[in-house]
């Protein structure tokens, strides 16, 4: 599954902030993590970027999820103080 995100950095503890695909996790509708790894190249625009305070980025990241999962979620920086959740469908 491809998901497009728009990210704007308001504050950051250390610059640059390395925005990358590994910071996102896919979670099933039943609460289980999708742990299978997949790599996709040549996404345009790609989400990966070195970010500084005030920077903005829009791009795609990817997840391997069960095609029958009607309500998968994405978690950004899961299990951290900066954790944010998103619906993927």
PDB file of N, CA and C in Angstrom:
ATOM      1  N   UNK A   1       0.847  -1.154   0.000  1.00  0.00           N
ATOM      2  CA  UNK A   1       0.000   0.000   0.000  1.00  0.00           C
ATOM      3  C   UNK A   1       0.901   1.227   0.000  1.00  0.00           C
ATOM      4  N   UNK A   2       0.573   2.188  -0.841  1.00  0.00           N
ATOM      5  CA  UNK A   2       1.270   3.472  -0.831  1.00  0.00           C
ATOM      6  C   UNK A   2       0.423   4.485  -0.081  1.00  0.00           C
ATOM      7  N   UNK A   3       1.056   5.323   0.702  1.00  0.00           N
ATOM      8  CA  UNK A   3       0.361   6.371   1.433  1.00  0.00           C
ATOM      9  C   UNK A   3       1.134   7.673   1.253  1.00  0.00           C
ATOM     10  N   UNK A   4       0.417   8.730   0.949  1.00  0.00           N
ATOM     11  CA  UNK A   4       1.051  10.032   0.750  1.00  0.00           C
ATOM     12  C   UNK A   4       0.848  10.879   2.002  1.00  0.00           C
ATOM     13  N   UNK A   5       1.945  11.438   2.518  1.00  0.00           N
ATOM     14  CA  UNK A   5       1.917  12.257   3.721  1.00  0.00           C
ATOM     15  C   UNK A   5       2.461  13.645   3.418  1.00  0.00           C
ATOM     16  N   UNK A   6       1.921  14.622   4.118  1.00  0.00           N
ATOM     17  CA  UNK A   6       2.450  15.984   4.107  1.00  0.00           C
ATOM     18  C   UNK A   6       3.000  16.232   5.506  1.00  0.00           C
ATOM     19  N   UNK A   7       4.263  16.616   5.595  1.00  0.00           N
ATOM     20  CA  UNK A   7       4.929  16.820   6.882  1.00  0.00           C
ATOM     21  C   UNK A   7       5.475  18.232   6.928  1.00  0.00           C
ATOM     22  N   UNK A   8       5.213  18.919   8.044  1.00  0.00           N
ATOM     23  CA  UNK A   8       5.798  20.236   8.289  1.00  0.00           C
ATOM     24  C   UNK A   8       6.456  20.202   9.655  1.00  0.00           C
ATOM     25  N   UNK A   9       7.703  20.617   9.726  1.00  0.00           N
ATOM     26  CA  UNK A   9       8.455  20.605  10.972  1.00  0.00           C
ATOM     27  C   UNK A   9       8.286  21.961  11.652  1.00  0.00           C
ATOM     28  N   UNK A  10       7.644  21.939  12.817  1.00  0.00           N
ATOM     29  CA  UNK A  10       7.464  23.170  13.589  1.00  0.00           C
ATOM     30  C   UNK A  10       8.619  23.365  14.569  1.00  0.00           C
ATOM     31  N   UNK A  11       9.001  22.298  15.235  1.00  0.00           N
ATOM     32  CA  UNK A  11      10.122  22.310  16.173  1.00  0.00           C
ATOM     33  C   UNK A  11      10.867  20.993  16.048  1.00  0.00           C
ATOM     34  N   UNK A  12      12.142  21.047  16.269  1.00  0.00           N
ATOM     35  CA  UNK A  12      12.946  19.831  16.229  1.00  0.00           C
ATOM     36  C   UNK A  12      14.069  19.974  17.257  1.00  0.00           C
ATOM     37  N   UNK A  13      14.343  18.885  17.988  1.00  0.00           N
ATOM     38  CA  UNK A  13      15.388  18.932  19.013  1.00  0.00           C
ATOM     39  C   UNK A  13      16.775  19.008  18.400  1.00  0.00           C
ATOM     40  N   UNK A  14      17.009  18.207  17.356  1.00  0.00           N
ATOM     41  CA  UNK A  14      18.304  18.203  16.679  1.00  0.00           C
ATOM     42  C   UNK A  14      18.082  18.326  15.182  1.00  0.00           C
ATOM     43  N   UNK A  15      18.820  19.210  14.553  1.00  0.00           N
ATOM     44  CA  UNK A  15      18.729  19.349  13.099  1.00  0.00           C
ATOM     45  C   UNK A  15      19.951  18.711  12.457  1.00  0.00           C
ATOM     46  N   UNK A  16      19.837  18.131  11.293  1.00  0.00           N
ATOM     47  CA  UNK A  16      18.567  17.919  10.615  1.00  0.00           C
ATOM     48  C   UNK A  16      17.807  16.730  11.192  1.00  0.00           C
ATOM     49  N   UNK A  17      16.506  16.759  11.043  1.00  0.00           N
ATOM     50  CA  UNK A  17      15.629  15.649  11.400  1.00  0.00           C
ATOM     51  C   UNK A  17      15.546  14.757  10.170  1.00  0.00           C
ATOM     52  N   UNK A  18      15.901  13.497  10.325  1.00  0.00           N
ATOM     53  CA  UNK A  18      15.928  12.555   9.205  1.00  0.00           C
ATOM     54  C   UNK A  18      14.560  11.900   9.055  1.00  0.00           C
ATOM     55  N   UNK A  19      13.738  12.413   8.152  1.00  0.00           N
ATOM     56  CA  UNK A  19      12.421  11.845   7.870  1.00  0.00           C
ATOM     57  C   UNK A  19      12.614  10.648   6.942  1.00  0.00           C
ATOM     58  N   UNK A  20      12.145   9.462   7.382  1.00  0.00           N
ATOM     59  CA  UNK A  20      12.334   8.276   6.543  1.00  0.00           C
ATOM     60  C   UNK A  20      11.229   7.253   6.775  1.00  0.00           C
ATOM     61  N   UNK A  21      11.169   6.288   5.901  1.00  0.00           N
ATOM     62  CA  UNK A  21      10.117   5.273   5.893  1.00  0.00           C
ATOM     63  C   UNK A  21      10.119   4.403   7.154  1.00  0.00           C
ATOM     64  N   UNK A  22      11.275   4.207   7.746  1.00  0.00           N
ATOM     65  CA  UNK A  22      11.381   3.341   8.923  1.00  0.00           C
ATOM     66  C   UNK A  22      10.680   3.929  10.146  1.00  0.00           C
ATOM     67  N   UNK A  23      10.322   5.200  10.109  1.00  0.00           N
ATOM     68  CA  UNK A  23       9.631   5.834  11.232  1.00  0.00           C
ATOM     69  C   UNK A  23       8.136   5.547  11.226  1.00  0.00           C
ATOM     70  N   UNK A  24       7.649   4.894  10.192  1.00  0.00           N
ATOM     71  CA  UNK A  24       6.237   4.569  10.058  1.00  0.00           C
ATOM     72  C   UNK A  24       6.024   3.077  10.243  1.00  0.00           C
ATOM     73  N   UNK A  25       4.983   2.711  10.970  1.00  0.00           N
ATOM     74  CA  UNK A  25       4.589   1.312  11.148  1.00  0.00           C
ATOM     75  C   UNK A  25       3.148   1.153  10.690  1.00  0.00           C
ATOM     76  N   UNK A  26       2.842  -0.002  10.103  1.00  0.00           N
ATOM     77  CA  UNK A  26       1.465  -0.334   9.750  1.00  0.00           C
ATOM     78  C   UNK A  26       0.894  -1.260  10.811  1.00  0.00           C
ATOM     79  N   UNK A  27      -0.347  -0.977  11.206  1.00  0.00           N
ATOM     80  CA  UNK A  27      -1.030  -1.739  12.245  1.00  0.00           C
ATOM     81  C   UNK A  27      -2.367  -2.206  11.677  1.00  0.00           C
ATOM     82  N   UNK A  28      -2.695  -3.465  11.895  1.00  0.00           N
ATOM     83  CA  UNK A  28      -3.949  -4.017  11.366  1.00  0.00           C
ATOM     84  C   UNK A  28      -5.146  -3.480  12.147  1.00  0.00           C
ATOM     85  N   UNK A  29      -6.332  -3.686  11.601  1.00  0.00           N
ATOM     86  CA  UNK A  29      -7.575  -3.272  12.265  1.00  0.00           C
ATOM     87  C   UNK A  29      -7.745  -3.990  13.602  1.00  0.00           C
ATOM     88  N   UNK A  30      -7.117  -5.150  13.752  1.00  0.00           N
ATOM     89  CA  UNK A  30      -7.216  -5.898  15.005  1.00  0.00           C
ATOM     90  C   UNK A  30      -6.099  -5.542  15.989  1.00  0.00           C
ATOM     91  N   UNK A  31      -5.224  -4.604  15.617  1.00  0.00           N
ATOM     92  CA  UNK A  31      -4.176  -4.130  16.517  1.00  0.00           C
ATOM     93  C   UNK A  31      -2.842  -4.827  16.397  1.00  0.00           C
ATOM     94  N   UNK A  32      -2.687  -5.690  15.407  1.00  0.00           N
ATOM     95  CA  UNK A  32      -1.414  -6.387  15.207  1.00  0.00           C
ATOM     96  C   UNK A  32      -0.501  -5.592  14.284  1.00  0.00           C
ATOM     97  N   UNK A  33       0.790  -5.615  14.578  1.00  0.00           N
ATOM     98  CA  UNK A  33       1.760  -4.930  13.723  1.00  0.00           C
ATOM     99  C   UNK A  33       2.013  -5.736  12.459  1.00  0.00           C
ATOM    100  N   UNK A  34       2.123  -5.037  11.358  1.00  0.00           N
ATOM    101  CA  UNK A  34       2.596  -5.661  10.116  1.00  0.00           C
ATOM    102  C   UNK A  34       4.111  -5.516  10.125  1.00  0.00           C
ATOM    103  N   UNK A  35       4.809  -6.619  10.353  1.00  0.00           N
ATOM    104  CA  UNK A  35       6.249  -6.556  10.520  1.00  0.00           C
ATOM    105  C   UNK A  35       7.033  -6.962   9.276  1.00  0.00           C
ATOM    106  N   UNK A  36       6.355  -7.450   8.239  1.00  0.00           N
ATOM    107  CA  UNK A  36       7.067  -7.831   7.031  1.00  0.00           C
ATOM    108  C   UNK A  36       7.661  -6.588   6.385  1.00  0.00           C
ATOM    109  N   UNK A  37       8.884  -6.721   5.909  1.00  0.00           N
ATOM    110  CA  UNK A  37       9.590  -5.591   5.311  1.00  0.00           C
ATOM    111  C   UNK A  37       9.422  -5.605   3.797  1.00  0.00           C
ATOM    112  N   UNK A  38       9.224  -4.449   3.257  1.00  0.00           N
ATOM    113  CA  UNK A  38       9.171  -4.282   1.814  1.00  0.00           C
ATOM    114  C   UNK A  38       9.928  -2.997   1.484  1.00  0.00           C
ATOM    115  N   UNK A  39      10.624  -2.990   0.376  1.00  0.00           N
ATOM    116  CA  UNK A  39      11.321  -1.780  -0.075  1.00  0.00           C
ATOM    117  C   UNK A  39      10.805  -1.424  -1.456  1.00  0.00           C
ATOM    118  N   UNK A  40      10.530  -0.159  -1.644  1.00  0.00           N
ATOM    119  CA  UNK A  40      10.044   0.337  -2.925  1.00  0.00           C
ATOM    120  C   UNK A  40      10.979   1.458  -3.354  1.00  0.00           C
ATOM    121  N   UNK A  41      11.436   1.415  -4.574  1.00  0.00           N
ATOM    122  CA  UNK A  41      12.348   2.458  -5.046  1.00  0.00           C
ATOM    123  C   UNK A  41      11.667   3.323  -6.099  1.00  0.00           C
ATOM    124  N   UNK A  42      12.229   4.479  -6.283  1.00  0.00           N
ATOM    125  CA  UNK A  42      11.808   5.436  -7.306  1.00  0.00           C
ATOM    126  C   UNK A  42      10.401   5.984  -7.106  1.00  0.00           C
ATOM    127  N   UNK A  43      10.007   6.141  -5.845  1.00  0.00           N
ATOM    128  CA  UNK A  43       8.728   6.790  -5.581  1.00  0.00           C
ATOM    129  C   UNK A  43       8.877   8.280  -5.876  1.00  0.00           C
ATOM    130  N   UNK A  44       7.893   8.847  -6.491  1.00  0.00           N
ATOM    131  CA  UNK A  44       7.918  10.281  -6.782  1.00  0.00           C
ATOM    132  C   UNK A  44       6.608  10.912  -6.371  1.00  0.00           C
ATOM    133  N   UNK A  45       6.628  11.829  -5.464  1.00  0.00           N
ATOM    134  CA  UNK A  45       7.774  12.236  -4.655  1.00  0.00           C
ATOM    135  C   UNK A  45       7.972  11.285  -3.484  1.00  0.00           C
ATOM    136  N   UNK A  46       9.221  11.039  -3.165  1.00  0.00           N
ATOM    137  CA  UNK A  46       9.594  10.173  -2.047  1.00  0.00           C
ATOM    138  C   UNK A  46       9.532  10.984  -0.756  1.00  0.00           C
ATOM    139  N   UNK A  47       9.061  10.377   0.314  1.00  0.00           N
ATOM    140  CA  UNK A  47       8.924  11.065   1.594  1.00  0.00           C
ATOM    141  C   UNK A  47      10.274  11.347   2.248  1.00  0.00           C
ATOM    142  N   UNK A  48      11.285  10.511   2.017  1.00  0.00           N
ATOM    143  CA  UNK A  48      12.568  10.639   2.691  1.00  0.00           C
ATOM    144  C   UNK A  48      13.181  12.014   2.445  1.00  0.00           C
ATOM    145  N   UNK A  49      13.694  12.630   3.548  1.00  0.00           N
ATOM    146  CA  UNK A  49      14.370  13.918   3.409  1.00  0.00           C
ATOM    147  C   UNK A  49      15.029  14.286   4.727  1.00  0.00           C
ATOM    148  N   UNK A  50      16.041  15.093   4.666  1.00  0.00           N
ATOM    149  CA  UNK A  50      16.634  15.711   5.852  1.00  0.00           C
ATOM    150  C   UNK A  50      15.858  17.004   6.081  1.00  0.00           C
ATOM    151  N   UNK A  51      15.264  17.138   7.273  1.00  0.00           N
ATOM    152  CA  UNK A  51      14.349  18.245   7.553  1.00  0.00           C
ATOM    153  C   UNK A  51      14.936  19.191   8.606  1.00  0.00           C
ATOM    154  N   UNK A  52      14.719  20.477   8.376  1.00  0.00           N
ATOM    155  CA  UNK A  52      15.106  21.512   9.322  1.00  0.00           C
ATOM    156  C   UNK A  52      13.848  22.227   9.800  1.00  0.00           C
ATOM    157  N   UNK A  53      13.942  22.943  10.900  1.00  0.00           N
ATOM    158  CA  UNK A  53      12.789  23.671  11.433  1.00  0.00           C
ATOM    159  C   UNK A  53      12.191  24.557  10.343  1.00  0.00           C
ATOM    160  N   UNK A  54      10.864  24.445  10.176  1.00  0.00           N
ATOM    161  CA  UNK A  54      10.156  25.212   9.151  1.00  0.00           C
ATOM    162  C   UNK A  54      10.044  24.499   7.810  1.00  0.00           C
ATOM    163  N   UNK A  55      10.735  23.377   7.652  1.00  0.00           N
ATOM    164  CA  UNK A  55      10.714  22.649   6.376  1.00  0.00           C
ATOM    165  C   UNK A  55       9.379  21.946   6.171  1.00  0.00           C
ATOM    166  N   UNK A  56       9.016  21.750   4.904  1.00  0.00           N
ATOM    167  CA  UNK A  56       7.801  21.034   4.522  1.00  0.00           C
ATOM    168  C   UNK A  56       8.167  19.983   3.497  1.00  0.00           C
ATOM    169  N   UNK A  57       7.448  18.869   3.552  1.00  0.00           N
ATOM    170  CA  UNK A  57       7.706  17.785   2.595  1.00  0.00           C
ATOM    171  C   UNK A  57       6.424  17.006   2.367  1.00  0.00           C
ATOM    172  N   UNK A  58       6.163  16.679   1.121  1.00  0.00           N
ATOM    173  CA  UNK A  58       5.049  15.809   0.770  1.00  0.00           C
ATOM    174  C   UNK A  58       5.619  14.667  -0.037  1.00  0.00           C
ATOM    175  N   UNK A  59       5.225  13.457   0.315  1.00  0.00           N
ATOM    176  CA  UNK A  59       5.737  12.329  -0.423  1.00  0.00           C
ATOM    177  C   UNK A  59       5.104  11.029   0.013  1.00  0.00           C
ATOM    178  N   UNK A  60       5.471   9.978  -0.687  1.00  0.00           N
ATOM    179  CA  UNK A  60       4.912   8.648  -0.449  1.00  0.00           C
ATOM    180  C   UNK A  60       5.808   7.813   0.451  1.00  0.00           C
ATOM    181  N   UNK A  61       5.162   6.991   1.254  1.00  0.00           N
ATOM    182  CA  UNK A  61       5.823   5.890   1.924  1.00  0.00           C
ATOM    183  C   UNK A  61       4.994   4.645   1.638  1.00  0.00           C
ATOM    184  N   UNK A  62       5.429   3.506   2.093  1.00  0.00           N
ATOM    185  CA  UNK A  62       4.816   2.250   1.667  1.00  0.00           C
ATOM    186  C   UNK A  62       4.679   1.294   2.840  1.00  0.00           C
ATOM    187  N   UNK A  63       3.691   0.417   2.720  1.00  0.00           N
ATOM    188  CA  UNK A  63       3.406  -0.576   3.745  1.00  0.00           C
ATOM    189  C   UNK A  63       2.980  -1.868   3.067  1.00  0.00           C
ATOM    190  N   UNK A  64       3.295  -2.981   3.682  1.00  0.00           N
ATOM    191  CA  UNK A  64       2.811  -4.281   3.240  1.00  0.00           C
ATOM    192  C   UNK A  64       1.709  -4.684   4.210  1.00  0.00           C
ATOM    193  N   UNK A  65       0.452  -4.653   3.731  1.00  0.00           N
ATOM    194  CA  UNK A  65      -0.698  -4.969   4.589  1.00  0.00           C
ATOM    195  C   UNK A  65      -1.561  -6.032   3.914  1.00  0.00           C
ATOM    196  N   UNK A  66      -2.372  -6.701   4.714  1.00  0.00           N
ATOM    197  CA  UNK A  66      -3.292  -7.709   4.209  1.00  0.00           C
ATOM    198  C   UNK A  66      -4.342  -7.023   3.334  1.00  0.00           C
ATOM    199  N   UNK A  67      -4.548  -7.503   2.126  1.00  0.00           N
ATOM    200  CA  UNK A  67      -5.508  -6.879   1.210  1.00  0.00           C
ATOM    201  C   UNK A  67      -6.937  -6.924   1.746  1.00  0.00           C
ATOM    202  N   UNK A  68      -7.230  -7.829   2.682  1.00  0.00           N
ATOM    203  CA  UNK A  68      -8.572  -7.927   3.256  1.00  0.00           C
ATOM    204  C   UNK A  68      -8.751  -7.077   4.515  1.00  0.00           C
ATOM    205  N   UNK A  69      -7.710  -6.371   4.927  1.00  0.00           N
ATOM    206  CA  UNK A  69      -7.787  -5.496   6.103  1.00  0.00           C
ATOM    207  C   UNK A  69      -8.477  -4.198   5.678  1.00  0.00           C
ATOM    208  N   UNK A  70      -9.714  -4.005   6.133  1.00  0.00           N
ATOM    209  CA  UNK A  70     -10.496  -2.844   5.722  1.00  0.00           C
ATOM    210  C   UNK A  70     -10.161  -1.571   6.474  1.00  0.00           C
ATOM    211  N   UNK A  71      -9.384  -1.674   7.561  1.00  0.00           N
ATOM    212  CA  UNK A  71      -9.140  -0.487   8.371  1.00  0.00           C
ATOM    213  C   UNK A  71      -7.704  -0.455   8.930  1.00  0.00           C
ATOM    214  N   UNK A  72      -6.684  -0.580   8.062  1.00  0.00           N
ATOM    215  CA  UNK A  72      -5.315  -0.524   8.578  1.00  0.00           C
ATOM    216  C   UNK A  72      -4.959   0.895   9.021  1.00  0.00           C
ATOM    217  N   UNK A  73      -4.034   0.976   9.958  1.00  0.00           N
ATOM    218  CA  UNK A  73      -3.587   2.260  10.479  1.00  0.00           C
ATOM    219  C   UNK A  73      -2.084   2.392  10.268  1.00  0.00           C
ATOM    220  N   UNK A  74      -1.600   3.622  10.262  1.00  0.00           N
ATOM    221  CA  UNK A  74      -0.167   3.895  10.245  1.00  0.00           C
ATOM    222  C   UNK A  74       0.167   4.663  11.506  1.00  0.00           C
ATOM    223  N   UNK A  75       1.285   4.333  12.100  1.00  0.00           N
ATOM    224  CA  UNK A  75       1.771   5.054  13.271  1.00  0.00           C
ATOM    225  C   UNK A  75       3.129   5.652  12.931  1.00  0.00           C
ATOM    226  N   UNK A  76       3.274   6.950  13.186  1.00  0.00           N
ATOM    227  CA  UNK A  76       4.537   7.637  12.982  1.00  0.00           C
ATOM    228  C   UNK A  76       5.237   7.740  14.330  1.00  0.00           C
ATOM    229  N   UNK A  77       6.503   7.300  14.371  1.00  0.00           N
ATOM    230  CA  UNK A  77       7.313   7.323  15.598  1.00  0.00           C
ATOM    231  C   UNK A  77       6.592   6.640  16.752  1.00  0.00           C
ATOM    232  N   UNK A  78       6.102   5.451  16.472  1.00  0.00           N
ATOM    233  CA  UNK A  78       5.349   4.655  17.456  1.00  0.00           C
ATOM    234  C   UNK A  78       6.157   4.434  18.732  1.00  0.00           C
ATOM    235  N   UNK A  79       5.452   4.481  19.836  1.00  0.00           N
ATOM    236  CA  UNK A  79       6.036   4.292  21.170  1.00  0.00           C
ATOM    237  C   UNK A  79       7.046   5.377  21.520  1.00  0.00           C
ATOM    238  N   UNK A  80       6.786   6.593  21.086  1.00  0.00           N
ATOM    239  CA  UNK A  80       7.622   7.739  21.451  1.00  0.00           C
ATOM    240  C   UNK A  80       6.714   8.889  21.862  1.00  0.00           C
ATOM    241  N   UNK A  81       7.282   9.949  22.363  1.00  0.00           N
ATOM    242  CA  UNK A  81       6.498  11.127  22.736  1.00  0.00           C
ATOM    243  C   UNK A  81       5.896  11.822  21.515  1.00  0.00           C
ATOM    244  N   UNK A  82       6.439  11.558  20.334  1.00  0.00           N
ATOM    245  CA  UNK A  82       5.973  12.199  19.111  1.00  0.00           C
ATOM    246  C   UNK A  82       5.003  11.325  18.315  1.00  0.00           C
ATOM    247  N   UNK A  83       4.491  10.251  18.909  1.00  0.00           N
ATOM    248  CA  UNK A  83       3.629   9.281  18.216  1.00  0.00           C
ATOM    249  C   UNK A  83       2.377   9.945  17.633  1.00  0.00           C
ATOM    250  N   UNK A  84       2.106   9.638  16.355  1.00  0.00           N
ATOM    251  CA  UNK A  84       0.907  10.132  15.663  1.00  0.00           C
ATOM    252  C   UNK A  84       0.342   8.972  14.851  1.00  0.00           C
ATOM    253  N   UNK A  85      -1.007   8.839  14.858  1.00  0.00           N
ATOM    254  CA  UNK A  85      -1.677   7.748  14.136  1.00  0.00           C
ATOM    255  C   UNK A  85      -2.484   8.291  12.967  1.00  0.00           C
ATOM    256  N   UNK A  86      -2.607   7.477  11.895  1.00  0.00           N
ATOM    257  CA  UNK A  86      -3.331   7.853  10.692  1.00  0.00           C
ATOM    258  C   UNK A  86      -4.152   6.659  10.196  1.00  0.00           C
ATOM    259  N   UNK A  87      -5.311   6.913   9.623  1.00  0.00           N
ATOM    260  CA  UNK A  87      -6.071   5.888   8.911  1.00  0.00           C
ATOM    261  C   UNK A  87      -5.466   5.763   7.522  1.00  0.00           C
ATOM    262  N   UNK A  88      -5.339   4.539   7.034  1.00  0.00           N
ATOM    263  CA  UNK A  88      -4.765   4.321   5.714  1.00  0.00           C
ATOM    264  C   UNK A  88      -5.833   4.123   4.630  1.00  0.00           C
ATOM    265  N   UNK A  89      -7.072   3.906   5.021  1.00  0.00           N
ATOM    266  CA  UNK A  89      -8.132   3.770   4.004  1.00  0.00           C
ATOM    267  C   UNK A  89      -9.283   4.647   4.361  1.00  0.00           C
TER     268      UNK A  89
END
